């Protein structure tokens, strides 16, 4: 009968430990959730401030008589490059074939 009693005590201890662990996990979850809400709020504030800065910069540029352009307009169009109106900088590292084994790269002086 002693083994049965010990088994019941062991099961009771395991159950108590499980419930304790479950409670700790719930508390941690709620804590993490509150932290995430705080981070989300902070990020929302940062985005709001950045939008205000962008609008202020646009207003300043508009007052100076410089036309407002979107970020999409910063890169030349494919047709402009093809017609030679604007040239994009070339990446010489990718346009040079790789050197043979033991040879220095071709773009070195």
PDB file of N, CA and C in Angstrom:
ATOM      1  N   UNK A   1       0.811  -1.180   0.000  1.00  0.00           N
ATOM      2  CA  UNK A   1       0.000   0.000   0.000  1.00  0.00           C
ATOM      3  C   UNK A   1       0.861   1.252   0.000  1.00  0.00           C
ATOM      4  N   UNK A   2       2.091   1.153   0.497  1.00  0.00           N
ATOM      5  CA  UNK A   2       2.972   2.308   0.559  1.00  0.00           C
ATOM      6  C   UNK A   2       3.351   2.833  -0.801  1.00  0.00           C
ATOM      7  N   UNK A   3       3.540   1.930  -1.771  1.00  0.00           N
ATOM      8  CA  UNK A   3       3.905   2.357  -3.122  1.00  0.00           C
ATOM      9  C   UNK A   3       2.757   3.134  -3.753  1.00  0.00           C
ATOM     10  N   UNK A   4       1.521   2.706  -3.507  1.00  0.00           N
ATOM     11  CA  UNK A   4       0.357   3.393  -4.056  1.00  0.00           C
ATOM     12  C   UNK A   4       0.253   4.795  -3.476  1.00  0.00           C
ATOM     13  N   UNK A   5       0.491   4.915  -2.172  1.00  0.00           N
ATOM     14  CA  UNK A   5       0.427   6.207  -1.499  1.00  0.00           C
ATOM     15  C   UNK A   5       1.510   7.136  -2.044  1.00  0.00           C
ATOM     16  N   UNK A   6       2.727   6.600  -2.211  1.00  0.00           N
ATOM     17  CA  UNK A   6       3.817   7.405  -2.769  1.00  0.00           C
ATOM     18  C   UNK A   6       3.492   7.849  -4.194  1.00  0.00           C
ATOM     19  N   UNK A   7       2.848   6.980  -4.943  1.00  0.00           N
ATOM     20  CA  UNK A   7       2.468   7.303  -6.315  1.00  0.00           C
ATOM     21  C   UNK A   7       1.453   8.444  -6.335  1.00  0.00           C
ATOM     22  N   UNK A   8       0.503   8.413  -5.400  1.00  0.00           N
ATOM     23  CA  UNK A   8      -0.486   9.489  -5.320  1.00  0.00           C
ATOM     24  C   UNK A   8       0.183  10.807  -4.939  1.00  0.00           C
ATOM     25  N   UNK A   9       1.112  10.747  -3.995  1.00  0.00           N
ATOM     26  CA  UNK A   9       1.837  11.959  -3.593  1.00  0.00           C
ATOM     27  C   UNK A   9       2.646  12.509  -4.765  1.00  0.00           C
ATOM     28  N   UNK A  10       3.292  11.613  -5.494  1.00  0.00           N
ATOM     29  CA  UNK A  10       4.090  12.030  -6.647  1.00  0.00           C
ATOM     30  C   UNK A  10       3.193  12.682  -7.695  1.00  0.00           C
ATOM     31  N   UNK A  11       2.048  12.068  -7.967  1.00  0.00           N
ATOM     32  CA  UNK A  11       1.115  12.632  -8.943  1.00  0.00           C
ATOM     33  C   UNK A  11       0.611  13.996  -8.481  1.00  0.00           C
ATOM     34  N   UNK A  12       0.342  14.132  -7.180  1.00  0.00           N
ATOM     35  CA  UNK A  12      -0.128  15.408  -6.649  1.00  0.00           C
ATOM     36  C   UNK A  12       0.959  16.473  -6.796  1.00  0.00           C
ATOM     37  N   UNK A  13       2.211  16.086  -6.550  1.00  0.00           N
ATOM     38  CA  UNK A  13       3.322  17.033  -6.693  1.00  0.00           C
ATOM     39  C   UNK A  13       3.501  17.431  -8.161  1.00  0.00           C
ATOM     40  N   UNK A  14       3.402  16.452  -9.062  1.00  0.00           N
ATOM     41  CA  UNK A  14       3.542  16.737 -10.495  1.00  0.00           C
ATOM     42  C   UNK A  14       2.425  17.670 -10.950  1.00  0.00           C
ATOM     43  N   UNK A  15       1.200  17.396 -10.506  1.00  0.00           N
ATOM     44  CA  UNK A  15       0.065  18.237 -10.868  1.00  0.00           C
ATOM     45  C   UNK A  15       0.246  19.658 -10.331  1.00  0.00           C
ATOM     46  N   UNK A  16       0.697  19.781  -9.089  1.00  0.00           N
ATOM     47  CA  UNK A  16       0.922  21.099  -8.503  1.00  0.00           C
ATOM     48  C   UNK A  16       2.002  21.855  -9.278  1.00  0.00           C
ATOM     49  N   UNK A  17       3.072  21.161  -9.640  1.00  0.00           N
ATOM     50  CA  UNK A  17       4.159  21.787 -10.398  1.00  0.00           C
ATOM     51  C   UNK A  17       3.659  22.221 -11.780  1.00  0.00           C
ATOM     52  N   UNK A  18       2.848  21.360 -12.401  1.00  0.00           N
ATOM     53  CA  UNK A  18       2.288  21.685 -13.708  1.00  0.00           C
ATOM     54  C   UNK A  18       1.422  22.942 -13.622  1.00  0.00           C
ATOM     55  N   UNK A  19       0.565  23.014 -12.600  1.00  0.00           N
ATOM     56  CA  UNK A  19      -0.306  24.177 -12.432  1.00  0.00           C
ATOM     57  C   UNK A  19       0.511  25.440 -12.156  1.00  0.00           C
ATOM     58  N   UNK A  20       1.569  25.291 -11.372  1.00  0.00           N
ATOM     59  CA  UNK A  20       2.452  26.430 -11.084  1.00  0.00           C
ATOM     60  C   UNK A  20       3.125  26.921 -12.372  1.00  0.00           C
ATOM     61  N   UNK A  21       3.612  25.974 -13.160  1.00  0.00           N
ATOM     62  CA  UNK A  21       4.258  26.320 -14.427  1.00  0.00           C
ATOM     63  C   UNK A  21       3.265  26.977 -15.377  1.00  0.00           C
ATOM     64  N   UNK A  22       2.062  26.440 -15.422  1.00  0.00           N
ATOM     65  CA  UNK A  22       1.025  27.005 -16.280  1.00  0.00           C
ATOM     66  C   UNK A  22       0.704  28.442 -15.865  1.00  0.00           C
ATOM     67  N   UNK A  23       0.644  28.692 -14.558  1.00  0.00           N
ATOM     68  CA  UNK A  23       0.372  30.039 -14.050  1.00  0.00           C
ATOM     69  C   UNK A  23       1.511  30.990 -14.425  1.00  0.00           C
ATOM     70  N   UNK A  24       2.755  30.531 -14.283  1.00  0.00           N
ATOM     71  CA  UNK A  24       3.900  31.366 -14.645  1.00  0.00           C
ATOM     72  C   UNK A  24       3.891  31.692 -16.137  1.00  0.00           C
ATOM     73  N   UNK A  25       3.557  30.708 -16.960  1.00  0.00           N
ATOM     74  CA  UNK A  25       3.502  30.939 -18.401  1.00  0.00           C
ATOM     75  C   UNK A  25       2.418  31.957 -18.743  1.00  0.00           C
ATOM     76  N   UNK A  26       1.292  31.871 -18.079  1.00  0.00           N
ATOM     77  CA  UNK A  26       0.208  32.826 -18.308  1.00  0.00           C
ATOM     78  C   UNK A  26       0.649  34.239 -17.921  1.00  0.00           C
ATOM     79  N   UNK A  27       1.328  34.360 -16.784  1.00  0.00           N
ATOM     80  CA  UNK A  27       1.823  35.666 -16.347  1.00  0.00           C
ATOM     81  C   UNK A  27       2.855  36.215 -17.332  1.00  0.00           C
ATOM     82  N   UNK A  28       3.749  35.345 -17.809  1.00  0.00           N
ATOM     83  CA  UNK A  28       4.743  35.777 -18.790  1.00  0.00           C
ATOM     84  C   UNK A  28       4.068  36.213 -20.081  1.00  0.00           C
ATOM     85  N   UNK A  29       3.083  35.461 -20.527  1.00  0.00           N
ATOM     86  CA  UNK A  29       2.353  35.803 -21.747  1.00  0.00           C
ATOM     87  C   UNK A  29       1.714  37.182 -21.612  1.00  0.00           C
ATOM     88  N   UNK A  30       1.043  37.408 -20.484  1.00  0.00           N
ATOM     89  CA  UNK A  30       0.399  38.702 -20.275  1.00  0.00           C
ATOM     90  C   UNK A  30       1.432  39.824 -20.216  1.00  0.00           C
ATOM     91  N   UNK A  31       2.578  39.539 -19.597  1.00  0.00           N
ATOM     92  CA  UNK A  31       3.644  40.538 -19.538  1.00  0.00           C
ATOM     93  C   UNK A  31       4.191  40.857 -20.919  1.00  0.00           C
ATOM     94  N   UNK A  32       4.451  39.815 -21.711  1.00  0.00           N
ATOM     95  CA  UNK A  32       4.945  40.026 -23.076  1.00  0.00           C
ATOM     96  C   UNK A  32       3.920  40.775 -23.912  1.00  0.00           C
ATOM     97  N   UNK A  33       2.661  40.443 -23.702  1.00  0.00           N
ATOM     98  CA  UNK A  33       1.602  41.110 -24.465  1.00  0.00           C
ATOM     99  C   UNK A  33       1.575  42.602 -24.144  1.00  0.00           C
ATOM    100  N   UNK A  34       1.718  42.946 -22.879  1.00  0.00           N
ATOM    101  CA  UNK A  34       1.749  44.356 -22.492  1.00  0.00           C
ATOM    102  C   UNK A  34       2.979  45.055 -23.073  1.00  0.00           C
ATOM    103  N   UNK A  35       4.118  44.362 -23.072  1.00  0.00           N
ATOM    104  CA  UNK A  35       5.324  44.936 -23.663  1.00  0.00           C
ATOM    105  C   UNK A  35       5.131  45.181 -25.152  1.00  0.00           C
ATOM    106  N   UNK A  36       4.514  44.237 -25.843  1.00  0.00           N
ATOM    107  CA  UNK A  36       4.262  44.404 -27.276  1.00  0.00           C
ATOM    108  C   UNK A  36       3.310  45.564 -27.543  1.00  0.00           C
ATOM    109  N   UNK A  37       2.307  45.728 -26.697  1.00  0.00           N
ATOM    110  CA  UNK A  37       1.399  46.867 -26.848  1.00  0.00           C
ATOM    111  C   UNK A  37       2.166  48.174 -26.691  1.00  0.00           C
ATOM    112  N   UNK A  38       3.066  48.211 -25.724  1.00  0.00           N
ATOM    113  CA  UNK A  38       3.868  49.409 -25.493  1.00  0.00           C
ATOM    114  C   UNK A  38       4.780  49.698 -26.682  1.00  0.00           C
ATOM    115  N   UNK A  39       5.425  48.648 -27.198  1.00  0.00           N
ATOM    116  CA  UNK A  39       6.304  48.810 -28.362  1.00  0.00           C
ATOM    117  C   UNK A  39       5.489  49.284 -29.562  1.00  0.00           C
ATOM    118  N   UNK A  40       4.327  48.701 -29.769  1.00  0.00           N
ATOM    119  CA  UNK A  40       3.466  49.089 -30.884  1.00  0.00           C
ATOM    120  C   UNK A  40       3.063  50.558 -30.763  1.00  0.00           C
ATOM    121  N   UNK A  41       2.736  50.981 -29.569  1.00  0.00           N
ATOM    122  CA  UNK A  41       2.374  52.374 -29.343  1.00  0.00           C
ATOM    123  C   UNK A  41       3.547  53.302 -29.644  1.00  0.00           C
ATOM    124  N   UNK A  42       4.736  52.910 -29.183  1.00  0.00           N
ATOM    125  CA  UNK A  42       5.932  53.710 -29.436  1.00  0.00           C
ATOM    126  C   UNK A  42       6.213  53.806 -30.931  1.00  0.00           C
ATOM    127  N   UNK A  43       6.100  52.681 -31.632  1.00  0.00           N
ATOM    128  CA  UNK A  43       6.320  52.692 -33.082  1.00  0.00           C
ATOM    129  C   UNK A  43       5.281  53.564 -33.783  1.00  0.00           C
ATOM    130  N   UNK A  44       4.049  53.527 -33.324  1.00  0.00           N
ATOM    131  CA  UNK A  44       3.014  54.392 -33.892  1.00  0.00           C
ATOM    132  C   UNK A  44       3.356  55.856 -33.712  1.00  0.00           C
ATOM    133  N   UNK A  45       3.880  56.204 -32.546  1.00  0.00           N
ATOM    134  CA  UNK A  45       4.300  57.580 -32.289  1.00  0.00           C
ATOM    135  C   UNK A  45       5.442  57.976 -33.211  1.00  0.00           C
ATOM    136  N   UNK A  46       6.418  57.088 -33.377  1.00  0.00           N
ATOM    137  CA  UNK A  46       7.564  57.370 -34.250  1.00  0.00           C
ATOM    138  C   UNK A  46       7.095  57.577 -35.684  1.00  0.00           C
ATOM    139  N   UNK A  47       6.203  56.713 -36.162  1.00  0.00           N
ATOM    140  CA  UNK A  47       5.688  56.850 -37.527  1.00  0.00           C
ATOM    141  C   UNK A  47       4.955  58.178 -37.679  1.00  0.00           C
ATOM    142  N   UNK A  48       4.174  58.546 -36.690  1.00  0.00           N
ATOM    143  CA  UNK A  48       3.466  59.825 -36.740  1.00  0.00           C
ATOM    144  C   UNK A  48       4.418  61.005 -36.825  1.00  0.00           C
ATOM    145  N   UNK A  49       5.471  60.968 -36.027  1.00  0.00           N
ATOM    146  CA  UNK A  49       6.462  62.049 -36.048  1.00  0.00           C
ATOM    147  C   UNK A  49       7.166  62.093 -37.399  1.00  0.00           C
ATOM    148  N   UNK A  50       7.531  60.930 -37.929  1.00  0.00           N
ATOM    149  CA  UNK A  50       8.197  60.894 -39.236  1.00  0.00           C
ATOM    150  C   UNK A  50       7.286  61.436 -40.334  1.00  0.00           C
ATOM    151  N   UNK A  51       6.002  61.147 -40.266  1.00  0.00           N
ATOM    152  CA  UNK A  51       5.059  61.691 -41.249  1.00  0.00           C
ATOM    153  C   UNK A  51       5.004  63.210 -41.149  1.00  0.00           C
ATOM    154  N   UNK A  52       4.992  63.728 -39.920  1.00  0.00           N
ATOM    155  CA  UNK A  52       4.990  65.177 -39.734  1.00  0.00           C
ATOM    156  C   UNK A  52       6.263  65.800 -40.297  1.00  0.00           C
ATOM    157  N   UNK A  53       7.405  65.166 -40.051  1.00  0.00           N
ATOM    158  CA  UNK A  53       8.681  65.669 -40.577  1.00  0.00           C
ATOM    159  C   UNK A  53       8.651  65.668 -42.097  1.00  0.00           C
ATOM    160  N   UNK A  54       8.165  64.594 -42.690  1.00  0.00           N
ATOM    161  CA  UNK A  54       8.083  64.503 -44.148  1.00  0.00           C
ATOM    162  C   UNK A  54       7.179  65.597 -44.703  1.00  0.00           C
ATOM    163  N   UNK A  55       6.026  65.800 -44.087  1.00  0.00           N
ATOM    164  CA  UNK A  55       5.119  66.850 -44.553  1.00  0.00           C
ATOM    165  C   UNK A  55       5.745  68.228 -44.407  1.00  0.00           C
ATOM    166  N   UNK A  56       6.454  68.456 -43.312  1.00  0.00           N
ATOM    167  CA  UNK A  56       7.138  69.737 -43.116  1.00  0.00           C
ATOM    168  C   UNK A  56       8.204  69.941 -44.181  1.00  0.00           C
ATOM    169  N   UNK A  57       8.953  68.888 -44.472  1.00  0.00           N
ATOM    170  CA  UNK A  57       9.986  68.989 -45.508  1.00  0.00           C
ATOM    171  C   UNK A  57       9.353  69.271 -46.866  1.00  0.00           C
ATOM    172  N   UNK A  58       8.254  68.610 -47.171  1.00  0.00           N
ATOM    173  CA  UNK A  58       7.568  68.853 -48.443  1.00  0.00           C
ATOM    174  C   UNK A  58       7.070  70.290 -48.523  1.00  0.00           C
ATOM    175  N   UNK A  59       6.497  70.790 -47.412  1.00  0.00           N
ATOM    176  CA  UNK A  59       6.028  72.176 -47.393  1.00  0.00           C
ATOM    177  C   UNK A  59       7.181  73.142 -47.613  1.00  0.00           C
ATOM    178  N   UNK A  60       8.312  72.874 -46.963  1.00  0.00           N
ATOM    179  CA  UNK A  60       9.489  73.734 -47.109  1.00  0.00           C
ATOM    180  C   UNK A  60       9.982  73.727 -48.546  1.00  0.00           C
ATOM    181  N   UNK A  61      10.048  72.559 -49.142  1.00  0.00           N
ATOM    182  CA  UNK A  61      10.497  72.444 -50.535  1.00  0.00           C
ATOM    183  C   UNK A  61       9.525  73.171 -51.455  1.00  0.00           C
ATOM    184  N   UNK A  62       8.231  73.017 -51.207  1.00  0.00           N
ATOM    185  CA  UNK A  62       7.228  73.675 -52.046  1.00  0.00           C
ATOM    186  C   UNK A  62       7.334  75.194 -51.930  1.00  0.00           C
ATOM    187  N   UNK A  63       7.628  75.706 -50.744  1.00  0.00           N
ATOM    188  CA  UNK A  63       7.771  77.146 -50.542  1.00  0.00           C
ATOM    189  C   UNK A  63       8.994  77.695 -51.261  1.00  0.00           C
ATOM    190  N   UNK A  64       9.993  76.860 -51.459  1.00  0.00           N
ATOM    191  CA  UNK A  64      11.209  77.294 -52.139  1.00  0.00           C
ATOM    192  C   UNK A  64      11.060  77.216 -53.651  1.00  0.00           C
ATOM    193  N   UNK A  65       9.923  76.754 -54.124  1.00  0.00           N
ATOM    194  CA  UNK A  65       9.672  76.709 -55.550  1.00  0.00           C
ATOM    195  C   UNK A  65      10.220  75.488 -56.244  1.00  0.00           C
ATOM    196  N   UNK A  66      10.691  74.518 -55.492  1.00  0.00           N
ATOM    197  CA  UNK A  66      11.190  73.283 -56.084  1.00  0.00           C
ATOM    198  C   UNK A  66       9.999  72.338 -56.215  1.00  0.00           C
ATOM    199  N   UNK A  67       9.790  71.764 -57.390  1.00  0.00           N
ATOM    200  CA  UNK A  67       8.625  70.881 -57.539  1.00  0.00           C
ATOM    201  C   UNK A  67       8.735  69.647 -56.648  1.00  0.00           C
ATOM    202  N   UNK A  68       7.602  69.237 -56.117  1.00  0.00           N
ATOM    203  CA  UNK A  68       7.543  68.049 -55.259  1.00  0.00           C
ATOM    204  C   UNK A  68       7.573  66.808 -56.140  1.00  0.00           C
ATOM    205  N   UNK A  69       8.491  65.913 -55.847  1.00  0.00           N
ATOM    206  CA  UNK A  69       8.549  64.655 -56.590  1.00  0.00           C
ATOM    207  C   UNK A  69       8.423  63.516 -55.605  1.00  0.00           C
ATOM    208  N   UNK A  70       7.828  62.444 -56.047  1.00  0.00           N
ATOM    209  CA  UNK A  70       7.698  61.280 -55.171  1.00  0.00           C
ATOM    210  C   UNK A  70       8.981  60.480 -55.209  1.00  0.00           C
ATOM    211  N   UNK A  71       9.099  59.555 -54.295  1.00  0.00           N
ATOM    212  CA  UNK A  71      10.292  58.713 -54.251  1.00  0.00           C
ATOM    213  C   UNK A  71      10.429  57.869 -55.507  1.00  0.00           C
ATOM    214  N   UNK A  72       9.313  57.535 -56.147  1.00  0.00           N
ATOM    215  CA  UNK A  72       9.361  56.730 -57.366  1.00  0.00           C
ATOM    216  C   UNK A  72      10.052  57.466 -58.504  1.00  0.00           C
ATOM    217  N   UNK A  73      10.042  58.786 -58.446  1.00  0.00           N
ATOM    218  CA  UNK A  73      10.628  59.570 -59.529  1.00  0.00           C
ATOM    219  C   UNK A  73      12.136  59.738 -59.393  1.00  0.00           C
ATOM    220  N   UNK A  74      12.727  59.248 -58.325  1.00  0.00           N
ATOM    221  CA  UNK A  74      14.163  59.432 -58.129  1.00  0.00           C
ATOM    222  C   UNK A  74      14.989  58.603 -59.096  1.00  0.00           C
ATOM    223  N   UNK A  75      14.496  57.455 -59.519  1.00  0.00           N
ATOM    224  CA  UNK A  75      15.230  56.606 -60.449  1.00  0.00           C
ATOM    225  C   UNK A  75      14.754  56.892 -61.863  1.00  0.00           C
ATOM    226  N   UNK A  76      15.669  56.956 -62.813  1.00  0.00           N
ATOM    227  CA  UNK A  76      15.252  57.202 -64.191  1.00  0.00           C
ATOM    228  C   UNK A  76      14.451  56.021 -64.733  1.00  0.00           C
ATOM    229  N   UNK A  77      13.582  56.322 -65.656  1.00  0.00           N
ATOM    230  CA  UNK A  77      12.791  55.253 -66.257  1.00  0.00           C
ATOM    231  C   UNK A  77      13.652  54.456 -67.222  1.00  0.00           C
ATOM    232  N   UNK A  78      13.191  53.271 -67.548  1.00  0.00           N
ATOM    233  CA  UNK A  78      13.931  52.418 -68.479  1.00  0.00           C
ATOM    234  C   UNK A  78      14.067  53.097 -69.833  1.00  0.00           C
ATOM    235  N   UNK A  79      13.004  53.767 -70.290  1.00  0.00           N
ATOM    236  CA  UNK A  79      13.066  54.424 -71.597  1.00  0.00           C
ATOM    237  C   UNK A  79      14.050  55.586 -71.577  1.00  0.00           C
ATOM    238  N   UNK A  80      14.164  56.306 -70.460  1.00  0.00           N
ATOM    239  CA  UNK A  80      15.115  57.413 -70.369  1.00  0.00           C
ATOM    240  C   UNK A  80      16.544  56.900 -70.436  1.00  0.00           C
ATOM    241  N   UNK A  81      16.803  55.787 -69.789  1.00  0.00           N
ATOM    242  CA  UNK A  81      18.149  55.210 -69.817  1.00  0.00           C
ATOM    243  C   UNK A  81      18.456  54.704 -71.222  1.00  0.00           C
ATOM    244  N   UNK A  82      17.483  54.046 -71.843  1.00  0.00           N
ATOM    245  CA  UNK A  82      17.700  53.497 -73.186  1.00  0.00           C
ATOM    246  C   UNK A  82      17.952  54.595 -74.206  1.00  0.00           C
ATOM    247  N   UNK A  83      17.311  55.761 -74.020  1.00  0.00           N
ATOM    248  CA  UNK A  83      17.497  56.847 -74.978  1.00  0.00           C
ATOM    249  C   UNK A  83      18.743  57.669 -74.671  1.00  0.00           C
ATOM    250  N   UNK A  84      19.410  57.373 -73.562  1.00  0.00           N
ATOM    251  CA  UNK A  84      20.631  58.097 -73.218  1.00  0.00           C
ATOM    252  C   UNK A  84      20.382  59.383 -72.461  1.00  0.00           C
ATOM    253  N   UNK A  85      19.151  59.647 -72.053  1.00  0.00           N
ATOM    254  CA  UNK A  85      18.849  60.875 -71.321  1.00  0.00           C
ATOM    255  C   UNK A  85      19.507  60.874 -69.947  1.00  0.00           C
ATOM    256  N   UNK A  86      19.485  59.739 -69.301  1.00  0.00           N
ATOM    257  CA  UNK A  86      20.126  59.618 -67.994  1.00  0.00           C
ATOM    258  C   UNK A  86      20.890  58.308 -67.966  1.00  0.00           C
ATOM    259  N   UNK A  87      22.052  58.339 -67.378  1.00  0.00           N
ATOM    260  CA  UNK A  87      22.847  57.118 -67.284  1.00  0.00           C
ATOM    261  C   UNK A  87      22.920  56.685 -65.834  1.00  0.00           C
ATOM    262  N   UNK A  88      22.729  55.432 -65.605  1.00  0.00           N
ATOM    263  CA  UNK A  88      22.894  54.878 -64.266  1.00  0.00           C
ATOM    264  C   UNK A  88      24.349  54.513 -64.063  1.00  0.00           C
ATOM    265  N   UNK A  89      24.867  54.656 -62.844  1.00  0.00           N
ATOM    266  CA  UNK A  89      26.250  54.240 -62.599  1.00  0.00           C
ATOM    267  C   UNK A  89      26.394  52.742 -62.834  1.00  0.00           C
ATOM    268  N   UNK A  90      27.494  52.363 -63.419  1.00  0.00           N
ATOM    269  CA  UNK A  90      27.730  50.956 -63.720  1.00  0.00           C
ATOM    270  C   UNK A  90      28.480  50.296 -62.574  1.00  0.00           C
ATOM    271  N   UNK A  91      28.139  49.080 -62.301  1.00  0.00           N
ATOM    272  CA  UNK A  91      28.842  48.296 -61.293  1.00  0.00           C
ATOM    273  C   UNK A  91      29.930  47.504 -62.008  1.00  0.00           C
ATOM    274  N   UNK A  92      31.150  47.971 -61.887  1.00  0.00           N
ATOM    275  CA  UNK A  92      32.253  47.350 -62.611  1.00  0.00           C
ATOM    276  C   UNK A  92      32.597  45.966 -62.070  1.00  0.00           C
ATOM    277  N   UNK A  93      32.203  45.697 -60.843  1.00  0.00           N
ATOM    278  CA  UNK A  93      32.539  44.400 -60.252  1.00  0.00           C
ATOM    279  C   UNK A  93      31.756  43.268 -60.904  1.00  0.00           C
ATOM    280  N   UNK A  94      30.542  43.546 -61.311  1.00  0.00           N
ATOM    281  CA  UNK A  94      29.741  42.474 -61.900  1.00  0.00           C
ATOM    282  C   UNK A  94      29.936  42.380 -63.405  1.00  0.00           C
ATOM    283  N   UNK A  95      30.451  43.453 -64.044  1.00  0.00           N
ATOM    284  CA  UNK A  95      30.596  43.419 -65.491  1.00  0.00           C
ATOM    285  C   UNK A  95      31.917  42.791 -65.917  1.00  0.00           C
ATOM    286  N   UNK A  96      32.861  42.625 -64.995  1.00  0.00           N
ATOM    287  CA  UNK A  96      34.165  42.042 -65.311  1.00  0.00           C
ATOM    288  C   UNK A  96      34.106  40.539 -65.069  1.00  0.00           C
ATOM    289  N   UNK A  97      34.574  39.744 -66.028  1.00  0.00           N
ATOM    290  CA  UNK A  97      34.554  38.295 -65.792  1.00  0.00           C
ATOM    291  C   UNK A  97      35.509  37.921 -64.670  1.00  0.00           C
ATOM    292  N   UNK A  98      35.228  36.870 -63.954  1.00  0.00           N
ATOM    293  CA  UNK A  98      36.106  36.477 -62.850  1.00  0.00           C
ATOM    294  C   UNK A  98      37.468  36.041 -63.391  1.00  0.00           C
ATOM    295  N   UNK A  99      38.544  36.322 -62.625  1.00  0.00           N
ATOM    296  CA  UNK A  99      39.885  35.945 -63.076  1.00  0.00           C
ATOM    297  C   UNK A  99      40.082  34.433 -62.985  1.00  0.00           C
ATOM    298  N   UNK A 100      41.026  33.957 -63.760  1.00  0.00           N
ATOM    299  CA  UNK A 100      41.388  32.537 -63.687  1.00  0.00           C
ATOM    300  C   UNK A 100      42.111  32.294 -62.372  1.00  0.00           C
ATOM    301  N   UNK A 101      42.211  31.054 -61.968  1.00  0.00           N
ATOM    302  CA  UNK A 101      42.870  30.727 -60.705  1.00  0.00           C
ATOM    303  C   UNK A 101      44.286  31.280 -60.675  1.00  0.00           C
ATOM    304  N   UNK A 102      44.619  31.982 -59.597  1.00  0.00           N
ATOM    305  CA  UNK A 102      45.974  32.495 -59.406  1.00  0.00           C
ATOM    306  C   UNK A 102      46.214  33.843 -60.060  1.00  0.00           C
ATOM    307  N   UNK A 103      45.280  34.378 -60.835  1.00  0.00           N
ATOM    308  CA  UNK A 103      45.456  35.679 -61.477  1.00  0.00           C
ATOM    309  C   UNK A 103      44.783  36.750 -60.634  1.00  0.00           C
ATOM    310  N   UNK A 104      45.356  37.985 -60.637  1.00  0.00           N
ATOM    311  CA  UNK A 104      44.702  39.080 -59.909  1.00  0.00           C
ATOM    312  C   UNK A 104      43.449  39.513 -60.672  1.00  0.00           C
ATOM    313  N   UNK A 105      42.481  40.117 -59.986  1.00  0.00           N
ATOM    314  CA  UNK A 105      41.283  40.601 -60.672  1.00  0.00           C
ATOM    315  C   UNK A 105      41.653  41.627 -61.744  1.00  0.00           C
ATOM    316  N   UNK A 106      40.893  41.662 -62.821  1.00  0.00           N
ATOM    317  CA  UNK A 106      41.191  42.535 -63.957  1.00  0.00           C
ATOM    318  C   UNK A 106      40.988  44.005 -63.624  1.00  0.00           C
ATOM    319  N   UNK A 107      40.157  44.338 -62.623  1.00  0.00           N
ATOM    320  CA  UNK A 107      39.890  45.739 -62.334  1.00  0.00           C
ATOM    321  C   UNK A 107      40.907  46.359 -61.377  1.00  0.00           C
ATOM    322  N   UNK A 108      41.923  45.618 -60.963  1.00  0.00           N
ATOM    323  CA  UNK A 108      42.973  46.180 -60.118  1.00  0.00           C
ATOM    324  C   UNK A 108      44.035  46.835 -60.989  1.00  0.00           C
ATOM    325  N   UNK A 109      44.629  47.942 -60.512  1.00  0.00           N
ATOM    326  CA  UNK A 109      45.666  48.623 -61.309  1.00  0.00           C
ATOM    327  C   UNK A 109      46.934  47.799 -61.426  1.00  0.00           C
TER     328      UNK A 109
END
